[in-house]
Each structure stands twice: as C-alpha cells, then as structure tokens.
Amino acid sequence: MRSSLFSKLDEKAPVPLEIRAAYYPPIYTGIRAYTLQEFIEGLKKANGLSIFYHVFHPVFTSHIIPDDLHNDFAFWFRTQLEEEDIADMVSDISGGEPRTVEDVRKDIINILSQFSASRVARYPFSFLSCTPIVYDTGIRVETPGQLLDSVSTMTARGLVYHFVFRRVMGYTTKNDFSNWLESMGLNGPANELSKIDPQTYTDETKLRRDILLVLERWFL
C-alpha cells in the first residue's frame, strides 16, 4: 500500500534545495583542563565551533570515540577523570531541535556544577575548535523524490552540513530538509525528521539510514 504522500514525489518545491557540504579542519585553542573545575572554565571560554567539534562532529566515523559514548567530553570524563556518572550524563545530553551549541554548553555546565571531583587527569582535555570549509556540490533538489535520491547518495559531509551543522550553530531552528519540506506544506515528514537527535550518533551511515527510513515511510 502506497503512503498518502506518494503522489507528492514529483511535485516541485517553490525553491530548490541547494546541496552544500563542509569539512571542519580542527584548530587548537590553547585551552586545556586537568580537573573538573578547569574543564568548566574551559567550556565557558570555548567558542561555539568548539562545542560543535567535540559534541556533534563525532557523528563522523573518522572522529573516533567508543560506541557507547556520544561525544569527546564524555570520553575524557570516563578515561581521564574516571567519573563514569559524569560521563554518562554528558554523553546523554540532548542535541535535538531546536537546541543549539549554546544550549548544549549551558546544560553541560549545569551538570558539571553538581559534582565536586578532585581528581587530576594524567592527560588534559585540549579544547579544539574548527574552521568550516563550505563548498557547493552542484546538486539541486526540486522534488521529494529527488530529496530521497540525494540523501541516499550525497556525501556524509553534505548530510551533516544540512542536517546538523547549520541548525546547531543557530543559522536555522530546524534542519534544512525539514525546512524545505515545510515550504511544500509537507509538515508530517518534516516534523518526524526534526525528532532525530544527531548528538546520539557516532556513525554517519546510521544517521543517513534513519533519515531515509522517515522519508521512505512517508513517500513510498
């Protein structure tokens, strides 16, 4: 049985979705932390791109952390301060819509402020930032069918740029795919895509799979 939106597969949007992609070369900030309190102070000083790099960039499999932890901060608390409770709480921080890196920063600081760990790490946490290099892929999406095809085939850098980066950095309150679908009045799939929290992924192929599952459920 076809979904109720199958007939919309070839309907053209008012404005095409221009697919861009980005990579994020890391930059050393000079901010380091050996203790919980130093980490809190470092987190307050770090710029938004640093929060993105440590919390959301691990969606790329090339950014290696254990599967059961979702970000660099949690990994350091487990391995260096041996604070498993802190690691679990920081790992489970919400990064879903409409939250931004600033919301994540505030929540992590609030979590850490509840603890008073005195351990000194053998290896410091070094805060990195990044300089996004954005480029046009030349892909233009005009219909929901083309969106399905493009999500299947675009690079991980394109997927993360449109589904994660622009929203968490505050350029838009929703991911670009949902915004584009809403421009066509397709609020159902748009809202379901918006429920996906990219902070819970450490593998871009799984993020792509879940986005595709939503689109296929609504359009095929």
N, C-alpha and C. Protein backbone atom coordinates (compact mmCIF):
# COMPACT_ATOMS: atom_id res chain seq x y z
N MET A 1 0.85 -1.20 0.00
CA MET A 1 0.00 0.00 0.00
C MET A 1 0.88 1.24 0.00
N ARG A 2 0.60 2.15 -0.93
CA ARG A 2 1.36 3.38 -1.03
C ARG A 2 1.01 4.33 0.09
N SER A 3 1.99 5.14 0.50
CA SER A 3 1.72 6.15 1.51
C SER A 3 0.85 7.25 0.91
N SER A 4 0.27 8.04 1.78
CA SER A 4 -0.62 9.11 1.31
C SER A 4 0.14 10.20 0.56
N LEU A 5 1.47 10.25 0.70
CA LEU A 5 2.26 11.29 0.04
C LEU A 5 2.98 10.78 -1.20
N PHE A 6 2.67 9.57 -1.63
CA PHE A 6 3.33 9.03 -2.82
C PHE A 6 3.12 9.94 -4.02
N SER A 7 1.93 10.54 -4.11
CA SER A 7 1.62 11.41 -5.24
C SER A 7 2.43 12.70 -5.24
N LYS A 8 3.10 13.00 -4.11
CA LYS A 8 3.88 14.23 -4.00
C LYS A 8 5.34 14.04 -4.42
N LEU A 9 5.73 12.81 -4.75
CA LEU A 9 7.13 12.52 -5.03
C LEU A 9 7.73 13.43 -6.10
N ASP A 10 6.94 13.74 -7.12
CA ASP A 10 7.47 14.52 -8.24
C ASP A 10 6.97 15.96 -8.25
N GLU A 11 6.38 16.39 -7.14
CA GLU A 11 5.90 17.77 -7.05
C GLU A 11 7.08 18.70 -6.79
N LYS A 12 7.14 19.78 -7.54
CA LYS A 12 8.27 20.70 -7.41
C LYS A 12 8.06 21.68 -6.25
N ALA A 13 9.14 21.94 -5.54
CA ALA A 13 9.12 22.90 -4.44
C ALA A 13 9.17 24.32 -4.99
N PRO A 14 8.71 25.31 -4.22
CA PRO A 14 8.81 26.70 -4.66
C PRO A 14 10.25 27.12 -4.95
N VAL A 15 11.17 26.63 -4.13
CA VAL A 15 12.60 26.95 -4.29
C VAL A 15 13.40 25.66 -4.15
N PRO A 16 14.32 25.38 -5.06
CA PRO A 16 15.14 24.17 -4.93
C PRO A 16 16.03 24.23 -3.69
N LEU A 17 16.35 23.06 -3.16
CA LEU A 17 17.30 22.95 -2.06
C LEU A 17 18.69 22.80 -2.67
N GLU A 18 19.55 23.77 -2.42
CA GLU A 18 20.91 23.74 -2.95
C GLU A 18 21.80 22.97 -1.98
N ILE A 19 22.33 21.86 -2.43
CA ILE A 19 23.11 21.00 -1.55
C ILE A 19 24.56 21.47 -1.48
N ARG A 20 24.95 21.78 -0.27
CA ARG A 20 26.34 22.13 0.00
C ARG A 20 26.93 21.08 0.94
N ALA A 21 28.20 21.15 1.15
CA ALA A 21 28.88 20.23 2.06
C ALA A 21 30.00 21.01 2.74
N ALA A 22 30.56 20.42 3.78
CA ALA A 22 31.62 21.11 4.52
C ALA A 22 32.54 20.11 5.19
N TYR A 23 33.77 20.52 5.35
CA TYR A 23 34.66 19.79 6.25
C TYR A 23 35.18 20.78 7.28
N TYR A 24 35.71 20.24 8.37
CA TYR A 24 35.92 21.04 9.57
C TYR A 24 37.33 20.83 10.11
N PRO A 25 38.34 21.43 9.48
CA PRO A 25 39.71 21.27 9.97
C PRO A 25 39.84 21.76 11.41
N PRO A 26 40.38 20.93 12.30
CA PRO A 26 40.48 21.33 13.71
C PRO A 26 41.54 22.39 13.94
N ILE A 27 41.29 23.22 14.94
CA ILE A 27 42.21 24.28 15.35
C ILE A 27 42.44 24.15 16.85
N TYR A 28 43.68 24.17 17.28
CA TYR A 28 44.00 24.12 18.71
C TYR A 28 43.73 25.48 19.32
N THR A 29 42.94 25.51 20.39
CA THR A 29 42.56 26.79 21.00
C THR A 29 43.52 27.24 22.09
N GLY A 30 44.34 26.33 22.60
CA GLY A 30 45.21 26.66 23.72
C GLY A 30 44.54 26.50 25.07
N ILE A 31 43.26 26.12 25.07
CA ILE A 31 42.53 25.92 26.32
C ILE A 31 42.66 24.45 26.73
N ARG A 32 43.17 24.22 27.93
CA ARG A 32 43.34 22.85 28.42
C ARG A 32 42.78 22.71 29.83
N ALA A 33 42.40 21.51 30.18
CA ALA A 33 41.85 21.26 31.52
C ALA A 33 42.38 19.94 32.06
N TYR A 34 42.82 19.98 33.32
CA TYR A 34 43.25 18.77 34.03
C TYR A 34 42.25 18.34 35.08
N THR A 35 41.40 19.26 35.50
CA THR A 35 40.44 18.97 36.57
C THR A 35 39.03 19.34 36.12
N LEU A 36 38.06 18.90 36.90
CA LEU A 36 36.67 19.22 36.60
C LEU A 36 36.46 20.73 36.55
N GLN A 37 36.99 21.46 37.53
CA GLN A 37 36.78 22.90 37.56
C GLN A 37 37.46 23.58 36.38
N GLU A 38 38.65 23.12 36.02
CA GLU A 38 39.32 23.69 34.85
C GLU A 38 38.53 23.41 33.58
N PHE A 39 37.90 22.24 33.54
CA PHE A 39 37.08 21.91 32.37
C PHE A 39 35.89 22.86 32.27
N ILE A 40 35.23 23.11 33.40
CA ILE A 40 34.09 24.04 33.39
C ILE A 40 34.53 25.41 32.89
N GLU A 41 35.66 25.89 33.38
CA GLU A 41 36.14 27.21 32.95
C GLU A 41 36.50 27.19 31.47
N GLY A 42 37.09 26.10 31.01
CA GLY A 42 37.42 25.99 29.59
C GLY A 42 36.19 25.96 28.72
N LEU A 43 35.17 25.25 29.18
CA LEU A 43 33.92 25.16 28.43
C LEU A 43 33.24 26.53 28.32
N LYS A 44 33.37 27.33 29.36
CA LYS A 44 32.80 28.68 29.32
C LYS A 44 33.52 29.56 28.29
N LYS A 45 34.83 29.34 28.13
CA LYS A 45 35.63 30.18 27.23
C LYS A 45 35.56 29.73 25.77
N ALA A 46 35.38 28.44 25.55
CA ALA A 46 35.44 27.89 24.19
C ALA A 46 34.35 28.50 23.31
N ASN A 47 34.66 28.67 22.03
CA ASN A 47 33.65 29.23 21.14
C ASN A 47 32.66 28.15 20.70
N GLY A 48 31.61 28.59 20.01
CA GLY A 48 30.56 27.66 19.60
C GLY A 48 31.05 26.57 18.68
N LEU A 49 32.00 26.89 17.82
CA LEU A 49 32.54 25.88 16.91
C LEU A 49 33.30 24.79 17.66
N SER A 50 33.85 25.14 18.81
CA SER A 50 34.50 24.13 19.65
C SER A 50 33.46 23.15 20.21
N ILE A 51 32.32 23.68 20.64
CA ILE A 51 31.25 22.80 21.14
C ILE A 51 30.77 21.90 20.01
N PHE A 52 30.59 22.47 18.83
CA PHE A 52 30.19 21.66 17.68
C PHE A 52 31.20 20.55 17.43
N TYR A 53 32.48 20.89 17.43
CA TYR A 53 33.50 19.90 17.09
C TYR A 53 33.52 18.74 18.08
N HIS A 54 33.39 19.03 19.35
CA HIS A 54 33.50 17.98 20.36
C HIS A 54 32.20 17.22 20.61
N VAL A 55 31.05 17.85 20.33
CA VAL A 55 29.76 17.22 20.64
C VAL A 55 29.08 16.65 19.41
N PHE A 56 29.16 17.34 18.27
CA PHE A 56 28.42 16.90 17.09
C PHE A 56 29.31 16.32 15.99
N HIS A 57 30.56 16.74 15.90
CA HIS A 57 31.45 16.20 14.88
C HIS A 57 31.68 14.70 15.03
N PRO A 58 31.57 14.11 16.24
CA PRO A 58 31.72 12.66 16.36
C PRO A 58 30.70 11.84 15.58
N VAL A 59 29.71 12.48 14.95
CA VAL A 59 28.81 11.75 14.06
C VAL A 59 29.60 11.12 12.91
N PHE A 60 30.74 11.69 12.56
CA PHE A 60 31.59 11.10 11.53
C PHE A 60 32.37 9.93 12.13
N THR A 61 32.39 8.80 11.43
CA THR A 61 33.13 7.65 11.94
C THR A 61 34.62 7.92 12.00
N SER A 62 35.10 8.91 11.25
CA SER A 62 36.52 9.26 11.30
C SER A 62 36.90 9.93 12.62
N HIS A 63 35.89 10.42 13.34
CA HIS A 63 36.10 11.04 14.66
C HIS A 63 35.86 9.94 15.69
N ILE A 64 36.91 9.30 16.11
CA ILE A 64 36.80 8.03 16.83
C ILE A 64 36.54 8.23 18.32
N ILE A 65 35.41 7.68 18.77
CA ILE A 65 35.10 7.55 20.19
C ILE A 65 34.33 6.24 20.36
N PRO A 66 34.24 5.69 21.58
CA PRO A 66 33.51 4.43 21.77
C PRO A 66 32.04 4.56 21.39
N ASP A 67 31.45 3.46 20.94
CA ASP A 67 30.06 3.48 20.51
C ASP A 67 29.09 3.84 21.63
N ASP A 68 29.46 3.55 22.87
CA ASP A 68 28.52 3.80 23.96
C ASP A 68 28.63 5.21 24.53
N LEU A 69 29.53 6.02 23.99
CA LEU A 69 29.62 7.43 24.36
C LEU A 69 29.41 8.27 23.11
N HIS A 70 28.81 9.44 23.28
CA HIS A 70 28.40 10.21 22.11
C HIS A 70 29.24 11.45 21.84
N ASN A 71 30.15 11.79 22.72
CA ASN A 71 30.94 13.00 22.46
C ASN A 71 32.29 12.93 23.17
N ASP A 72 33.18 13.82 22.76
CA ASP A 72 34.55 13.85 23.30
C ASP A 72 34.58 14.16 24.79
N PHE A 73 33.69 15.03 25.23
CA PHE A 73 33.68 15.42 26.64
C PHE A 73 33.44 14.19 27.52
N ALA A 74 32.43 13.42 27.17
CA ALA A 74 32.10 12.23 27.96
C ALA A 74 33.26 11.24 27.97
N PHE A 75 33.92 11.09 26.84
CA PHE A 75 35.04 10.16 26.73
C PHE A 75 36.17 10.57 27.69
N TRP A 76 36.45 11.86 27.78
CA TRP A 76 37.52 12.32 28.67
C TRP A 76 37.15 12.11 30.13
N PHE A 77 35.90 12.38 30.48
CA PHE A 77 35.49 12.18 31.87
C PHE A 77 35.60 10.71 32.27
N ARG A 78 35.33 9.81 31.35
CA ARG A 78 35.45 8.39 31.66
C ARG A 78 36.91 7.96 31.76
N THR A 79 37.70 8.31 30.76
CA THR A 79 39.05 7.74 30.67
C THR A 79 40.08 8.47 31.51
N GLN A 80 39.90 9.77 31.73
CA GLN A 80 40.92 10.55 32.43
C GLN A 80 40.54 10.89 33.87
N LEU A 81 39.30 11.26 34.10
CA LEU A 81 38.88 11.54 35.48
C LEU A 81 38.21 10.34 36.14
N GLU A 82 37.94 9.31 35.34
CA GLU A 82 37.31 8.08 35.85
C GLU A 82 36.00 8.39 36.57
N GLU A 83 35.26 9.31 35.98
CA GLU A 83 33.96 9.72 36.53
C GLU A 83 32.86 9.18 35.62
N GLU A 84 32.46 7.94 35.86
CA GLU A 84 31.51 7.28 34.98
C GLU A 84 30.14 7.96 35.00
N ASP A 85 29.70 8.41 36.17
CA ASP A 85 28.39 9.07 36.25
C ASP A 85 28.37 10.35 35.42
N ILE A 86 29.44 11.14 35.54
CA ILE A 86 29.52 12.36 34.74
C ILE A 86 29.56 12.02 33.26
N ALA A 87 30.36 11.03 32.91
CA ALA A 87 30.49 10.63 31.51
C ALA A 87 29.13 10.25 30.93
N ASP A 88 28.36 9.46 31.67
CA ASP A 88 27.05 9.03 31.18
C ASP A 88 26.10 10.21 31.01
N MET A 89 26.10 11.13 31.97
CA MET A 89 25.19 12.27 31.89
C MET A 89 25.56 13.21 30.75
N VAL A 90 26.85 13.44 30.56
CA VAL A 90 27.29 14.32 29.47
C VAL A 90 27.08 13.64 28.12
N SER A 91 27.25 12.33 28.07
CA SER A 91 27.02 11.60 26.83
C SER A 91 25.57 11.69 26.39
N ASP A 92 24.65 11.72 27.36
CA ASP A 92 23.22 11.69 27.05
C ASP A 92 22.61 13.07 26.90
N ILE A 93 23.41 14.11 26.85
CA ILE A 93 22.89 15.46 26.69
C ILE A 93 22.09 15.56 25.38
N SER A 94 21.00 16.27 25.40
CA SER A 94 20.17 16.37 24.20
C SER A 94 20.74 17.38 23.21
N GLY A 95 20.79 16.97 21.95
CA GLY A 95 21.20 17.88 20.89
C GLY A 95 20.12 18.02 19.83
N GLY A 96 18.90 17.64 20.19
CA GLY A 96 17.80 17.68 19.23
C GLY A 96 17.28 19.09 18.98
N GLU A 97 16.45 19.22 17.97
CA GLU A 97 15.88 20.52 17.62
C GLU A 97 14.97 21.02 18.73
N PRO A 98 14.96 22.34 18.95
CA PRO A 98 15.69 23.41 18.23
C PRO A 98 16.98 23.82 18.93
N ARG A 99 17.58 22.90 19.69
CA ARG A 99 18.71 23.25 20.52
C ARG A 99 19.96 23.57 19.70
N THR A 100 20.76 24.48 20.24
CA THR A 100 22.00 24.90 19.58
C THR A 100 23.19 24.54 20.47
N VAL A 101 24.38 24.82 19.96
CA VAL A 101 25.58 24.56 20.76
C VAL A 101 25.57 25.35 22.06
N GLU A 102 24.94 26.51 22.06
CA GLU A 102 24.88 27.30 23.30
C GLU A 102 23.98 26.64 24.34
N ASP A 103 22.90 26.03 23.90
CA ASP A 103 22.05 25.28 24.82
C ASP A 103 22.81 24.09 25.40
N VAL A 104 23.56 23.41 24.54
CA VAL A 104 24.36 22.27 24.99
C VAL A 104 25.41 22.72 26.01
N ARG A 105 26.06 23.84 25.72
CA ARG A 105 27.06 24.36 26.65
C ARG A 105 26.44 24.60 28.04
N LYS A 106 25.31 25.28 28.06
CA LYS A 106 24.66 25.59 29.34
C LYS A 106 24.28 24.33 30.10
N ASP A 107 23.75 23.35 29.40
CA ASP A 107 23.32 22.13 30.07
C ASP A 107 24.50 21.34 30.63
N ILE A 108 25.59 21.29 29.88
CA ILE A 108 26.76 20.56 30.38
C ILE A 108 27.34 21.26 31.61
N ILE A 109 27.41 22.58 31.57
CA ILE A 109 27.90 23.33 32.73
C ILE A 109 27.01 23.07 33.94
N ASN A 110 25.69 23.04 33.73
CA ASN A 110 24.77 22.77 34.83
C ASN A 110 24.99 21.37 35.41
N ILE A 111 25.23 20.40 34.55
CA ILE A 111 25.50 19.03 35.02
C ILE A 111 26.78 19.00 35.84
N LEU A 112 27.84 19.58 35.29
CA LEU A 112 29.14 19.51 35.95
C LEU A 112 29.15 20.26 37.27
N SER A 113 28.34 21.30 37.37
CA SER A 113 28.30 22.10 38.60
C SER A 113 27.72 21.32 39.78
N GLN A 114 27.10 20.18 39.50
CA GLN A 114 26.54 19.36 40.57
C GLN A 114 27.61 18.48 41.24
N PHE A 115 28.79 18.41 40.62
CA PHE A 115 29.83 17.50 41.09
C PHE A 115 31.02 18.28 41.65
N SER A 116 31.81 17.59 42.45
CA SER A 116 32.99 18.23 43.04
C SER A 116 34.20 17.29 42.98
N ALA A 117 34.43 16.70 41.83
CA ALA A 117 35.54 15.76 41.67
C ALA A 117 36.87 16.48 41.86
N SER A 118 37.79 15.84 42.57
CA SER A 118 39.10 16.46 42.84
C SER A 118 40.24 15.79 42.07
N ARG A 119 39.94 14.73 41.36
CA ARG A 119 40.98 14.01 40.64
C ARG A 119 41.63 14.90 39.58
N VAL A 120 42.95 14.74 39.41
CA VAL A 120 43.69 15.45 38.37
C VAL A 120 44.00 14.46 37.25
N ALA A 121 43.61 14.81 36.05
CA ALA A 121 43.80 13.91 34.91
C ALA A 121 45.28 13.77 34.56
N ARG A 122 45.66 12.59 34.12
CA ARG A 122 47.03 12.40 33.64
C ARG A 122 47.23 13.13 32.32
N TYR A 123 46.20 13.08 31.48
CA TYR A 123 46.25 13.78 30.20
C TYR A 123 45.15 14.84 30.18
N PRO A 124 45.46 16.06 29.82
CA PRO A 124 44.45 17.12 29.85
C PRO A 124 43.45 16.98 28.72
N PHE A 125 42.31 17.62 28.91
CA PHE A 125 41.40 17.80 27.79
C PHE A 125 41.84 19.05 27.05
N SER A 126 42.14 18.91 25.78
CA SER A 126 42.54 20.05 24.94
C SER A 126 41.36 20.45 24.08
N PHE A 127 40.85 21.63 24.31
CA PHE A 127 39.71 22.11 23.53
C PHE A 127 40.17 22.45 22.12
N LEU A 128 39.51 21.85 21.15
CA LEU A 128 39.74 22.18 19.75
C LEU A 128 38.55 22.96 19.22
N SER A 129 38.81 23.81 18.25
CA SER A 129 37.75 24.45 17.50
C SER A 129 37.91 24.00 16.05
N CYS A 130 37.26 24.65 15.14
CA CYS A 130 37.40 24.29 13.73
C CYS A 130 37.04 25.47 12.85
N THR A 131 37.49 25.40 11.62
CA THR A 131 37.13 26.40 10.62
C THR A 131 36.36 25.70 9.51
N PRO A 132 35.04 25.82 9.47
CA PRO A 132 34.27 25.12 8.44
C PRO A 132 34.62 25.60 7.03
N ILE A 133 34.89 24.67 6.16
CA ILE A 133 35.13 24.95 4.75
C ILE A 133 33.92 24.44 3.98
N VAL A 134 33.07 25.36 3.55
CA VAL A 134 31.81 25.01 2.90
C VAL A 134 31.97 25.13 1.39
N TYR A 135 31.42 24.16 0.67
CA TYR A 135 31.51 24.20 -0.79
C TYR A 135 30.19 23.72 -1.40
N ASP A 136 29.92 24.21 -2.59
CA ASP A 136 28.70 23.87 -3.32
C ASP A 136 28.92 22.56 -4.08
N THR A 137 28.04 21.59 -3.87
CA THR A 137 28.17 20.31 -4.56
C THR A 137 27.61 20.33 -5.97
N GLY A 138 26.85 21.37 -6.29
CA GLY A 138 26.21 21.44 -7.59
C GLY A 138 24.88 20.70 -7.66
N ILE A 139 24.51 20.01 -6.60
CA ILE A 139 23.25 19.26 -6.57
C ILE A 139 22.10 20.20 -6.21
N ARG A 140 21.01 20.10 -6.96
CA ARG A 140 19.82 20.88 -6.69
C ARG A 140 18.63 19.93 -6.54
N VAL A 141 17.94 20.04 -5.43
CA VAL A 141 16.80 19.17 -5.15
C VAL A 141 15.52 19.95 -5.38
N GLU A 142 14.67 19.45 -6.28
CA GLU A 142 13.44 20.16 -6.62
C GLU A 142 12.18 19.42 -6.18
N THR A 143 12.28 18.12 -5.94
CA THR A 143 11.11 17.32 -5.58
C THR A 143 11.44 16.40 -4.41
N PRO A 144 10.42 15.91 -3.68
CA PRO A 144 10.69 14.94 -2.62
C PRO A 144 11.40 13.69 -3.12
N GLY A 145 11.07 13.27 -4.35
CA GLY A 145 11.76 12.12 -4.91
C GLY A 145 13.25 12.38 -5.07
N GLN A 146 13.58 13.58 -5.50
CA GLN A 146 14.99 13.94 -5.63
C GLN A 146 15.66 14.04 -4.27
N LEU A 147 14.91 14.46 -3.25
CA LEU A 147 15.47 14.51 -1.90
C LEU A 147 15.83 13.10 -1.44
N LEU A 148 14.93 12.15 -1.66
CA LEU A 148 15.22 10.76 -1.32
C LEU A 148 16.50 10.28 -2.01
N ASP A 149 16.59 10.53 -3.30
CA ASP A 149 17.78 10.10 -4.05
C ASP A 149 19.03 10.79 -3.52
N SER A 150 18.93 12.07 -3.24
CA SER A 150 20.10 12.84 -2.81
C SER A 150 20.58 12.42 -1.43
N VAL A 151 19.64 12.19 -0.51
CA VAL A 151 20.04 11.73 0.82
C VAL A 151 20.74 10.38 0.73
N SER A 152 20.32 9.56 -0.23
CA SER A 152 20.94 8.24 -0.42
C SER A 152 22.37 8.34 -0.92
N THR A 153 22.63 9.37 -1.74
CA THR A 153 23.90 9.39 -2.47
C THR A 153 24.85 10.53 -2.08
N MET A 154 24.36 11.57 -1.43
CA MET A 154 25.25 12.68 -1.10
C MET A 154 26.32 12.24 -0.12
N THR A 155 27.41 12.95 -0.08
CA THR A 155 28.48 12.62 0.84
C THR A 155 28.03 12.83 2.29
N ALA A 156 28.71 12.19 3.21
CA ALA A 156 28.41 12.41 4.62
C ALA A 156 28.59 13.87 4.99
N ARG A 157 29.53 14.54 4.34
CA ARG A 157 29.77 15.95 4.65
C ARG A 157 28.59 16.81 4.23
N GLY A 158 27.92 16.44 3.16
CA GLY A 158 26.71 17.15 2.77
C GLY A 158 25.57 16.88 3.72
N LEU A 159 25.42 15.62 4.10
CA LEU A 159 24.35 15.23 5.00
C LEU A 159 24.47 15.95 6.34
N VAL A 160 25.66 15.94 6.91
CA VAL A 160 25.86 16.56 8.22
C VAL A 160 25.73 18.08 8.14
N TYR A 161 26.20 18.67 7.06
CA TYR A 161 26.09 20.13 6.92
C TYR A 161 24.62 20.56 6.97
N HIS A 162 23.77 19.86 6.22
CA HIS A 162 22.36 20.28 6.13
C HIS A 162 21.52 19.79 7.30
N PHE A 163 21.86 18.62 7.85
CA PHE A 163 21.00 18.08 8.90
C PHE A 163 21.46 18.47 10.30
N VAL A 164 22.74 18.80 10.44
CA VAL A 164 23.29 19.05 11.77
C VAL A 164 23.88 20.45 11.90
N PHE A 165 24.91 20.73 11.12
CA PHE A 165 25.74 21.92 11.35
C PHE A 165 24.95 23.22 11.35
N ARG A 166 24.19 23.48 10.31
CA ARG A 166 23.53 24.78 10.19
C ARG A 166 22.54 25.01 11.34
N ARG A 167 21.87 23.96 11.75
CA ARG A 167 20.89 24.11 12.83
C ARG A 167 21.57 24.27 14.18
N VAL A 168 22.54 23.43 14.51
CA VAL A 168 23.12 23.52 15.86
C VAL A 168 23.95 24.79 16.02
N MET A 169 24.43 25.37 14.91
CA MET A 169 25.16 26.62 15.00
C MET A 169 24.24 27.84 15.02
N GLY A 170 22.94 27.61 14.94
CA GLY A 170 21.98 28.70 15.08
C GLY A 170 21.63 29.44 13.81
N TYR A 171 22.04 28.92 12.65
CA TYR A 171 21.68 29.57 11.39
C TYR A 171 20.21 29.36 11.06
N THR A 172 19.63 28.31 11.59
CA THR A 172 18.23 27.99 11.38
C THR A 172 17.75 27.18 12.57
N THR A 173 16.45 27.19 12.84
CA THR A 173 15.94 26.48 14.01
C THR A 173 15.64 25.01 13.72
N LYS A 174 15.60 24.65 12.44
CA LYS A 174 15.35 23.26 12.05
C LYS A 174 16.39 22.84 11.02
N ASN A 175 16.53 21.54 10.85
CA ASN A 175 17.41 21.06 9.80
C ASN A 175 16.89 21.49 8.43
N ASP A 176 17.78 21.58 7.47
CA ASP A 176 17.42 22.11 6.15
C ASP A 176 16.40 21.24 5.42
N PHE A 177 16.44 19.93 5.64
CA PHE A 177 15.49 19.05 4.97
C PHE A 177 14.07 19.32 5.46
N SER A 178 13.91 19.47 6.76
CA SER A 178 12.59 19.77 7.32
C SER A 178 12.09 21.13 6.86
N ASN A 179 12.96 22.13 6.88
CA ASN A 179 12.55 23.45 6.41
C ASN A 179 12.09 23.40 4.96
N TRP A 180 12.81 22.66 4.13
CA TRP A 180 12.46 22.58 2.71
C TRP A 180 11.14 21.85 2.52
N LEU A 181 10.93 20.76 3.25
CA LEU A 181 9.66 20.03 3.15
C LEU A 181 8.50 20.90 3.63
N GLU A 182 8.71 21.68 4.67
CA GLU A 182 7.65 22.56 5.15
C GLU A 182 7.29 23.62 4.12
N SER A 183 8.25 24.02 3.30
CA SER A 183 7.96 25.01 2.25
C SER A 183 6.97 24.46 1.24
N MET A 184 6.82 23.13 1.20
CA MET A 184 5.86 22.48 0.31
C MET A 184 4.59 22.06 1.05
N GLY A 185 4.51 22.42 2.33
CA GLY A 185 3.35 22.02 3.12
C GLY A 185 3.40 20.59 3.61
N LEU A 186 4.57 19.96 3.54
CA LEU A 186 4.73 18.56 3.93
C LEU A 186 5.21 18.49 5.38
N ASN A 187 4.33 18.88 6.28
CA ASN A 187 4.71 19.01 7.69
C ASN A 187 4.91 17.68 8.39
N GLY A 188 4.23 16.64 7.94
CA GLY A 188 4.35 15.33 8.58
C GLY A 188 5.77 14.80 8.56
N PRO A 189 6.34 14.58 7.37
CA PRO A 189 7.72 14.11 7.33
C PRO A 189 8.71 15.11 7.90
N ALA A 190 8.42 16.40 7.73
CA ALA A 190 9.31 17.42 8.29
C ALA A 190 9.39 17.30 9.80
N ASN A 191 8.24 17.14 10.44
CA ASN A 191 8.23 17.04 11.91
C ASN A 191 8.90 15.77 12.39
N GLU A 192 8.74 14.69 11.65
CA GLU A 192 9.37 13.43 12.08
C GLU A 192 10.88 13.50 11.94
N LEU A 193 11.36 14.12 10.88
CA LEU A 193 12.81 14.31 10.74
C LEU A 193 13.36 15.15 11.88
N SER A 194 12.59 16.13 12.30
CA SER A 194 13.04 17.03 13.36
C SER A 194 13.17 16.34 14.71
N LYS A 195 12.60 15.15 14.84
CA LYS A 195 12.70 14.40 16.10
C LYS A 195 14.01 13.63 16.22
N ILE A 196 14.77 13.53 15.14
CA ILE A 196 16.04 12.81 15.16
C ILE A 196 17.09 13.67 15.85
N ASP A 197 17.73 13.13 16.87
CA ASP A 197 18.77 13.86 17.61
C ASP A 197 20.14 13.43 17.12
N PRO A 198 20.85 14.28 16.38
CA PRO A 198 22.14 13.88 15.82
C PRO A 198 23.23 13.66 16.85
N GLN A 199 23.02 14.17 18.08
CA GLN A 199 24.04 14.01 19.11
C GLN A 199 24.15 12.55 19.57
N THR A 200 23.16 11.74 19.24
CA THR A 200 23.17 10.35 19.68
C THR A 200 23.83 9.42 18.67
N TYR A 201 24.39 9.98 17.60
CA TYR A 201 25.00 9.15 16.55
C TYR A 201 26.52 9.30 16.55
N THR A 202 27.20 8.17 16.37
CA THR A 202 28.65 8.19 16.17
C THR A 202 29.01 7.50 14.86
N ASP A 203 28.06 7.46 13.96
CA ASP A 203 28.25 6.81 12.66
C ASP A 203 27.31 7.49 11.67
N GLU A 204 27.89 8.16 10.68
CA GLU A 204 27.07 8.90 9.73
C GLU A 204 26.17 7.99 8.90
N THR A 205 26.56 6.73 8.71
CA THR A 205 25.72 5.82 7.92
C THR A 205 24.42 5.51 8.66
N LYS A 206 24.47 5.45 9.98
CA LYS A 206 23.26 5.20 10.76
C LYS A 206 22.34 6.42 10.75
N LEU A 207 22.93 7.60 10.79
CA LEU A 207 22.13 8.82 10.68
C LEU A 207 21.45 8.87 9.32
N ARG A 208 22.19 8.58 8.26
CA ARG A 208 21.61 8.57 6.91
C ARG A 208 20.47 7.55 6.83
N ARG A 209 20.70 6.37 7.39
CA ARG A 209 19.68 5.31 7.36
C ARG A 209 18.38 5.78 8.02
N ASP A 210 18.49 6.43 9.17
CA ASP A 210 17.29 6.83 9.89
C ASP A 210 16.56 7.97 9.18
N ILE A 211 17.30 8.86 8.54
CA ILE A 211 16.66 9.91 7.74
C ILE A 211 15.92 9.28 6.57
N LEU A 212 16.56 8.33 5.91
CA LEU A 212 15.92 7.66 4.77
C LEU A 212 14.69 6.88 5.20
N LEU A 213 14.74 6.24 6.36
CA LEU A 213 13.58 5.48 6.83
C LEU A 213 12.37 6.39 7.00
N VAL A 214 12.59 7.58 7.52
CA VAL A 214 11.49 8.54 7.66
C VAL A 214 10.93 8.92 6.30
N LEU A 215 11.80 9.29 5.38
CA LEU A 215 11.35 9.72 4.05
C LEU A 215 10.64 8.59 3.31
N GLU A 216 11.18 7.39 3.40
CA GLU A 216 10.56 6.25 2.71
C GLU A 216 9.20 5.93 3.30
N ARG A 217 9.08 6.05 4.61
CA ARG A 217 7.80 5.75 5.27
C ARG A 217 6.70 6.71 4.81
N TRP A 218 7.08 7.95 4.56
CA TRP A 218 6.08 8.95 4.17
C TRP A 218 5.82 8.99 2.67
N PHE A 219 6.81 8.68 1.86
CA PHE A 219 6.66 8.92 0.42
C PHE A 219 6.57 7.66 -0.44
N LEU A 220 6.96 6.51 0.08
CA LEU A 220 6.98 5.30 -0.75
C LEU A 220 5.93 4.28 -0.31
